[in-house]
N, C-alpha and C. Protein backbone atom coordinates (compact mmCIF):
# COMPACT_ATOMS: atom_id res chain seq x y z
N MET A 1 12.81 7.22 -28.64
CA MET A 1 11.78 7.48 -27.65
C MET A 1 11.40 8.95 -27.74
N SER A 2 10.12 9.22 -27.86
CA SER A 2 9.66 10.60 -27.98
C SER A 2 9.37 11.18 -26.60
N ASP A 3 9.15 12.50 -26.57
CA ASP A 3 8.80 13.17 -25.33
C ASP A 3 7.30 13.07 -25.05
N ALA A 4 6.52 12.58 -26.00
CA ALA A 4 5.06 12.53 -25.84
C ALA A 4 4.66 11.40 -24.90
N PRO A 5 3.65 11.65 -24.08
CA PRO A 5 3.15 10.57 -23.22
C PRO A 5 2.68 9.39 -24.08
N THR A 6 2.84 8.18 -23.53
CA THR A 6 2.50 7.00 -24.31
C THR A 6 1.26 6.29 -23.80
N ALA A 7 0.79 6.61 -22.63
CA ALA A 7 -0.42 5.99 -22.08
C ALA A 7 -1.36 7.11 -21.64
N PRO A 8 -2.66 6.86 -21.71
CA PRO A 8 -3.62 7.91 -21.33
C PRO A 8 -3.43 8.43 -19.91
N GLN A 9 -2.90 7.59 -19.04
CA GLN A 9 -2.73 8.02 -17.66
C GLN A 9 -1.44 8.82 -17.44
N VAL A 10 -0.62 8.98 -18.49
CA VAL A 10 0.61 9.77 -18.40
C VAL A 10 0.33 11.16 -18.96
N VAL A 11 0.57 12.17 -18.13
CA VAL A 11 0.22 13.54 -18.47
C VAL A 11 1.44 14.44 -18.30
N MET A 12 1.66 15.31 -19.28
CA MET A 12 2.76 16.27 -19.19
C MET A 12 2.32 17.50 -18.41
N LEU A 13 3.21 18.03 -17.58
CA LEU A 13 3.00 19.28 -16.86
C LEU A 13 4.17 20.20 -17.15
N THR A 14 3.93 21.50 -17.13
CA THR A 14 5.02 22.46 -17.26
C THR A 14 5.73 22.58 -15.91
N ALA A 15 6.92 23.14 -15.93
CA ALA A 15 7.63 23.40 -14.68
C ALA A 15 6.80 24.28 -13.76
N ASN A 16 6.08 25.23 -14.34
CA ASN A 16 5.24 26.13 -13.54
C ASN A 16 4.11 25.35 -12.86
N ASP A 17 3.50 24.40 -13.59
CA ASP A 17 2.46 23.54 -13.01
C ASP A 17 3.02 22.74 -11.84
N VAL A 18 4.21 22.18 -12.04
CA VAL A 18 4.83 21.37 -10.99
C VAL A 18 5.14 22.24 -9.77
N ARG A 19 5.66 23.43 -10.01
CA ARG A 19 5.98 24.32 -8.90
C ARG A 19 4.73 24.64 -8.08
N ALA A 20 3.61 24.87 -8.76
CA ALA A 20 2.36 25.16 -8.06
C ALA A 20 1.91 23.96 -7.22
N ARG A 21 2.07 22.76 -7.75
CA ARG A 21 1.68 21.56 -7.01
C ARG A 21 2.60 21.32 -5.81
N ILE A 22 3.88 21.63 -5.98
CA ILE A 22 4.80 21.52 -4.84
C ILE A 22 4.38 22.52 -3.76
N ALA A 23 4.08 23.74 -4.17
CA ALA A 23 3.70 24.80 -3.23
C ALA A 23 2.45 24.44 -2.43
N ASP A 24 1.48 23.78 -3.07
CA ASP A 24 0.26 23.45 -2.34
C ASP A 24 0.31 22.06 -1.70
N GLY A 25 1.45 21.39 -1.81
CA GLY A 25 1.63 20.10 -1.15
C GLY A 25 1.03 18.92 -1.88
N SER A 26 0.57 19.12 -3.11
CA SER A 26 -0.10 18.02 -3.82
C SER A 26 0.83 17.21 -4.72
N ALA A 27 2.12 17.53 -4.74
CA ALA A 27 3.06 16.81 -5.61
C ALA A 27 4.00 15.93 -4.81
N TYR A 28 4.18 14.72 -5.30
CA TYR A 28 5.21 13.81 -4.81
C TYR A 28 6.20 13.72 -5.98
N VAL A 29 7.30 14.44 -5.87
CA VAL A 29 8.24 14.58 -6.99
C VAL A 29 9.32 13.52 -6.91
N VAL A 30 9.50 12.81 -8.03
CA VAL A 30 10.53 11.78 -8.14
C VAL A 30 11.50 12.19 -9.24
N ASP A 31 12.77 12.26 -8.87
CA ASP A 31 13.87 12.59 -9.78
C ASP A 31 14.47 11.26 -10.25
N VAL A 32 14.41 10.98 -11.55
CA VAL A 32 14.93 9.72 -12.07
C VAL A 32 16.33 9.87 -12.66
N ARG A 33 16.97 11.02 -12.41
CA ARG A 33 18.35 11.19 -12.87
C ARG A 33 19.28 10.34 -12.00
N GLU A 34 20.55 10.35 -12.34
CA GLU A 34 21.53 9.56 -11.60
C GLU A 34 21.96 10.30 -10.33
N PRO A 35 22.48 9.57 -9.32
CA PRO A 35 22.86 10.20 -8.05
C PRO A 35 23.81 11.38 -8.20
N HIS A 36 24.78 11.29 -9.11
CA HIS A 36 25.71 12.42 -9.25
C HIS A 36 25.01 13.66 -9.79
N GLU A 37 24.01 13.48 -10.65
CA GLU A 37 23.26 14.63 -11.18
C GLU A 37 22.41 15.25 -10.06
N HIS A 38 21.75 14.40 -9.30
CA HIS A 38 20.91 14.85 -8.19
C HIS A 38 21.76 15.60 -7.15
N ALA A 39 22.97 15.10 -6.90
CA ALA A 39 23.85 15.74 -5.92
C ALA A 39 24.27 17.14 -6.36
N GLU A 40 24.41 17.35 -7.66
CA GLU A 40 24.85 18.66 -8.17
C GLU A 40 23.75 19.71 -8.07
N VAL A 41 22.54 19.35 -8.49
CA VAL A 41 21.42 20.30 -8.47
C VAL A 41 20.12 19.51 -8.42
N ARG A 42 19.19 19.96 -7.56
CA ARG A 42 17.95 19.21 -7.39
C ARG A 42 16.84 20.13 -6.93
N ILE A 43 15.63 19.67 -7.16
CA ILE A 43 14.45 20.34 -6.64
C ILE A 43 14.29 19.91 -5.19
N ALA A 44 14.16 20.86 -4.30
CA ALA A 44 14.04 20.55 -2.87
C ALA A 44 12.90 19.56 -2.64
N GLY A 45 13.19 18.52 -1.88
CA GLY A 45 12.19 17.53 -1.53
C GLY A 45 11.97 16.43 -2.54
N ALA A 46 12.62 16.52 -3.71
CA ALA A 46 12.45 15.47 -4.72
C ALA A 46 13.08 14.17 -4.22
N HIS A 47 12.40 13.06 -4.48
CA HIS A 47 12.87 11.74 -4.08
C HIS A 47 13.68 11.16 -5.24
N LEU A 48 14.89 10.72 -4.96
CA LEU A 48 15.76 10.17 -5.99
C LEU A 48 15.48 8.68 -6.18
N VAL A 49 15.07 8.31 -7.40
CA VAL A 49 14.89 6.92 -7.81
C VAL A 49 15.49 6.82 -9.21
N PRO A 50 16.82 6.60 -9.29
CA PRO A 50 17.51 6.64 -10.59
C PRO A 50 16.96 5.64 -11.59
N LEU A 51 16.82 6.08 -12.83
CA LEU A 51 16.31 5.21 -13.88
C LEU A 51 17.20 3.98 -14.05
N SER A 52 18.52 4.13 -13.88
CA SER A 52 19.43 3.00 -14.08
C SER A 52 19.21 1.88 -13.07
N ASN A 53 18.54 2.20 -11.98
CA ASN A 53 18.28 1.23 -10.92
C ASN A 53 16.83 1.40 -10.46
N PHE A 54 15.93 1.61 -11.42
CA PHE A 54 14.56 2.02 -11.13
C PHE A 54 13.82 0.95 -10.35
N ASP A 55 13.29 1.35 -9.21
CA ASP A 55 12.54 0.45 -8.35
C ASP A 55 11.25 1.15 -7.96
N SER A 56 10.17 0.76 -8.60
CA SER A 56 8.89 1.44 -8.37
C SER A 56 8.40 1.29 -6.93
N SER A 57 8.92 0.30 -6.20
CA SER A 57 8.49 0.14 -4.80
C SER A 57 8.98 1.30 -3.93
N GLN A 58 9.94 2.08 -4.42
CA GLN A 58 10.44 3.23 -3.68
C GLN A 58 9.56 4.47 -3.89
N ILE A 59 8.58 4.37 -4.76
CA ILE A 59 7.71 5.50 -5.08
C ILE A 59 6.44 5.36 -4.26
N THR A 60 6.30 6.23 -3.26
CA THR A 60 5.21 6.09 -2.30
C THR A 60 4.51 7.43 -2.03
N PRO A 61 3.78 7.95 -3.01
CA PRO A 61 3.06 9.19 -2.75
C PRO A 61 1.98 8.97 -1.68
N ALA A 62 1.77 10.00 -0.89
CA ALA A 62 0.71 9.95 0.12
C ALA A 62 -0.64 10.09 -0.57
N ASP A 63 -1.70 9.70 0.11
CA ASP A 63 -3.05 9.88 -0.43
C ASP A 63 -3.24 11.36 -0.77
N GLY A 64 -3.77 11.61 -1.95
CA GLY A 64 -4.02 12.97 -2.38
C GLY A 64 -2.84 13.64 -3.06
N GLN A 65 -1.70 12.97 -3.11
CA GLN A 65 -0.54 13.55 -3.79
C GLN A 65 -0.45 13.01 -5.21
N ASP A 66 -0.07 13.90 -6.13
CA ASP A 66 0.16 13.53 -7.53
C ASP A 66 1.60 13.07 -7.69
N LEU A 67 1.79 11.97 -8.39
CA LEU A 67 3.13 11.48 -8.71
C LEU A 67 3.66 12.28 -9.90
N VAL A 68 4.76 13.00 -9.66
CA VAL A 68 5.39 13.81 -10.70
C VAL A 68 6.81 13.31 -10.91
N LEU A 69 7.10 12.86 -12.12
CA LEU A 69 8.45 12.41 -12.47
C LEU A 69 9.19 13.52 -13.19
N HIS A 70 10.48 13.63 -12.90
CA HIS A 70 11.30 14.56 -13.68
C HIS A 70 12.69 14.00 -13.84
N CYS A 71 13.37 14.50 -14.85
CA CYS A 71 14.76 14.13 -15.11
C CYS A 71 15.47 15.38 -15.60
N ARG A 72 16.45 15.23 -16.48
CA ARG A 72 17.18 16.39 -16.99
C ARG A 72 16.37 17.14 -18.03
N SER A 73 15.84 16.41 -19.02
CA SER A 73 15.17 17.09 -20.14
C SER A 73 13.81 16.48 -20.50
N ALA A 74 13.34 15.54 -19.73
CA ALA A 74 12.03 14.88 -19.87
C ALA A 74 12.06 13.59 -20.67
N ARG A 75 13.20 13.09 -21.05
CA ARG A 75 13.26 11.80 -21.77
C ARG A 75 13.24 10.62 -20.81
N ARG A 76 14.15 10.62 -19.84
CA ARG A 76 14.22 9.48 -18.91
C ARG A 76 12.95 9.32 -18.08
N CYS A 77 12.31 10.43 -17.75
CA CYS A 77 11.06 10.28 -16.97
C CYS A 77 9.97 9.64 -17.81
N GLY A 78 10.07 9.74 -19.13
CA GLY A 78 9.13 9.04 -20.01
C GLY A 78 9.33 7.54 -19.94
N ILE A 79 10.58 7.12 -19.90
CA ILE A 79 10.88 5.70 -19.77
C ILE A 79 10.38 5.19 -18.41
N ALA A 80 10.61 5.98 -17.36
CA ALA A 80 10.16 5.59 -16.02
C ALA A 80 8.63 5.51 -15.98
N ALA A 81 7.96 6.45 -16.62
CA ALA A 81 6.49 6.44 -16.66
C ALA A 81 5.99 5.18 -17.37
N GLU A 82 6.61 4.83 -18.49
CA GLU A 82 6.23 3.62 -19.22
C GLU A 82 6.41 2.38 -18.34
N GLN A 83 7.50 2.34 -17.58
CA GLN A 83 7.75 1.20 -16.71
C GLN A 83 6.69 1.11 -15.62
N LEU A 84 6.35 2.25 -15.02
CA LEU A 84 5.31 2.24 -13.99
C LEU A 84 3.99 1.73 -14.54
N VAL A 85 3.60 2.20 -15.72
CA VAL A 85 2.34 1.76 -16.34
C VAL A 85 2.41 0.26 -16.63
N ALA A 86 3.54 -0.20 -17.16
CA ALA A 86 3.70 -1.62 -17.48
C ALA A 86 3.62 -2.49 -16.22
N GLU A 87 4.08 -1.94 -15.09
CA GLU A 87 4.03 -2.69 -13.83
C GLU A 87 2.67 -2.61 -13.16
N GLY A 88 1.74 -1.88 -13.76
CA GLY A 88 0.40 -1.83 -13.24
C GLY A 88 0.07 -0.65 -12.35
N TYR A 89 0.93 0.37 -12.34
CA TYR A 89 0.61 1.56 -11.55
C TYR A 89 -0.72 2.11 -12.03
N ALA A 90 -1.67 2.27 -11.11
CA ALA A 90 -3.04 2.59 -11.51
C ALA A 90 -3.35 4.09 -11.58
N GLY A 91 -2.57 4.89 -10.88
CA GLY A 91 -2.87 6.32 -10.83
C GLY A 91 -2.30 7.08 -12.02
N LYS A 92 -2.61 8.36 -12.05
CA LYS A 92 -2.01 9.24 -13.07
C LYS A 92 -0.52 9.36 -12.79
N VAL A 93 0.25 9.46 -13.86
CA VAL A 93 1.68 9.70 -13.77
C VAL A 93 1.94 11.01 -14.50
N TYR A 94 2.42 12.00 -13.77
CA TYR A 94 2.72 13.29 -14.38
C TYR A 94 4.21 13.37 -14.67
N ARG A 95 4.53 13.94 -15.84
CA ARG A 95 5.92 14.16 -16.24
C ARG A 95 6.15 15.65 -16.38
N MET A 96 7.29 16.12 -15.89
CA MET A 96 7.61 17.53 -16.03
C MET A 96 8.28 17.77 -17.38
N ALA A 97 7.58 18.48 -18.26
CA ALA A 97 8.10 18.80 -19.59
C ALA A 97 9.38 19.62 -19.46
N GLY A 98 10.38 19.24 -20.21
CA GLY A 98 11.63 19.99 -20.21
C GLY A 98 12.56 19.68 -19.05
N GLY A 99 12.09 18.87 -18.11
CA GLY A 99 12.93 18.45 -16.99
C GLY A 99 13.48 19.59 -16.16
N ILE A 100 14.54 19.27 -15.43
CA ILE A 100 15.13 20.27 -14.54
C ILE A 100 15.75 21.42 -15.34
N LEU A 101 16.06 21.17 -16.61
CA LEU A 101 16.58 22.27 -17.44
C LEU A 101 15.54 23.37 -17.58
N ASP A 102 14.28 23.02 -17.81
CA ASP A 102 13.22 24.03 -17.87
C ASP A 102 12.99 24.67 -16.51
N TRP A 103 13.05 23.86 -15.46
CA TRP A 103 12.88 24.38 -14.09
C TRP A 103 13.90 25.48 -13.83
N ILE A 104 15.15 25.19 -14.17
CA ILE A 104 16.23 26.15 -13.95
C ILE A 104 16.06 27.37 -14.85
N SER A 105 15.64 27.15 -16.10
CA SER A 105 15.47 28.28 -17.03
C SER A 105 14.35 29.21 -16.57
N GLU A 106 13.40 28.70 -15.79
CA GLU A 106 12.33 29.52 -15.22
C GLU A 106 12.80 30.24 -13.95
N ASP A 107 14.05 29.97 -13.55
CA ASP A 107 14.64 30.57 -12.35
C ASP A 107 13.92 30.14 -11.07
N PHE A 108 13.41 28.89 -11.08
CA PHE A 108 12.79 28.35 -9.90
C PHE A 108 13.89 27.85 -8.95
N PRO A 109 13.61 27.78 -7.65
CA PRO A 109 14.66 27.45 -6.68
C PRO A 109 15.15 26.00 -6.80
N VAL A 110 16.44 25.83 -6.59
CA VAL A 110 17.08 24.53 -6.55
C VAL A 110 18.02 24.45 -5.36
N GLU A 111 18.34 23.24 -4.99
CA GLU A 111 19.39 23.00 -4.00
C GLU A 111 20.62 22.53 -4.78
N THR A 112 21.79 22.89 -4.28
CA THR A 112 23.03 22.47 -4.93
C THR A 112 24.00 21.89 -3.91
N GLY A 113 24.98 21.15 -4.47
CA GLY A 113 26.05 20.61 -3.64
C GLY A 113 25.66 19.53 -2.71
């Protein structure tokens, strides 16, 4: 599985792009990592929907919010994006390039513990 988007409606964003969308309230961030990973370190406000138990019905962005998926390094969120598209999700699906590893390397804020 590559890191490249596979459907026209799947778009990659940098960690900086995601941070800007979070700041202006336009991002609905979904973390598809596993619960133990999310518990260790997470982006504040990210909704946990683990890929191992992925349930698209738990993904409920408000009107005007962009759906942004992230994981550790951007691989699992690609699988989640493909599943959403296959299930008929009609909106754009944004993926955070580099995952939380890039977020952390940019020294953006995280919650821990």
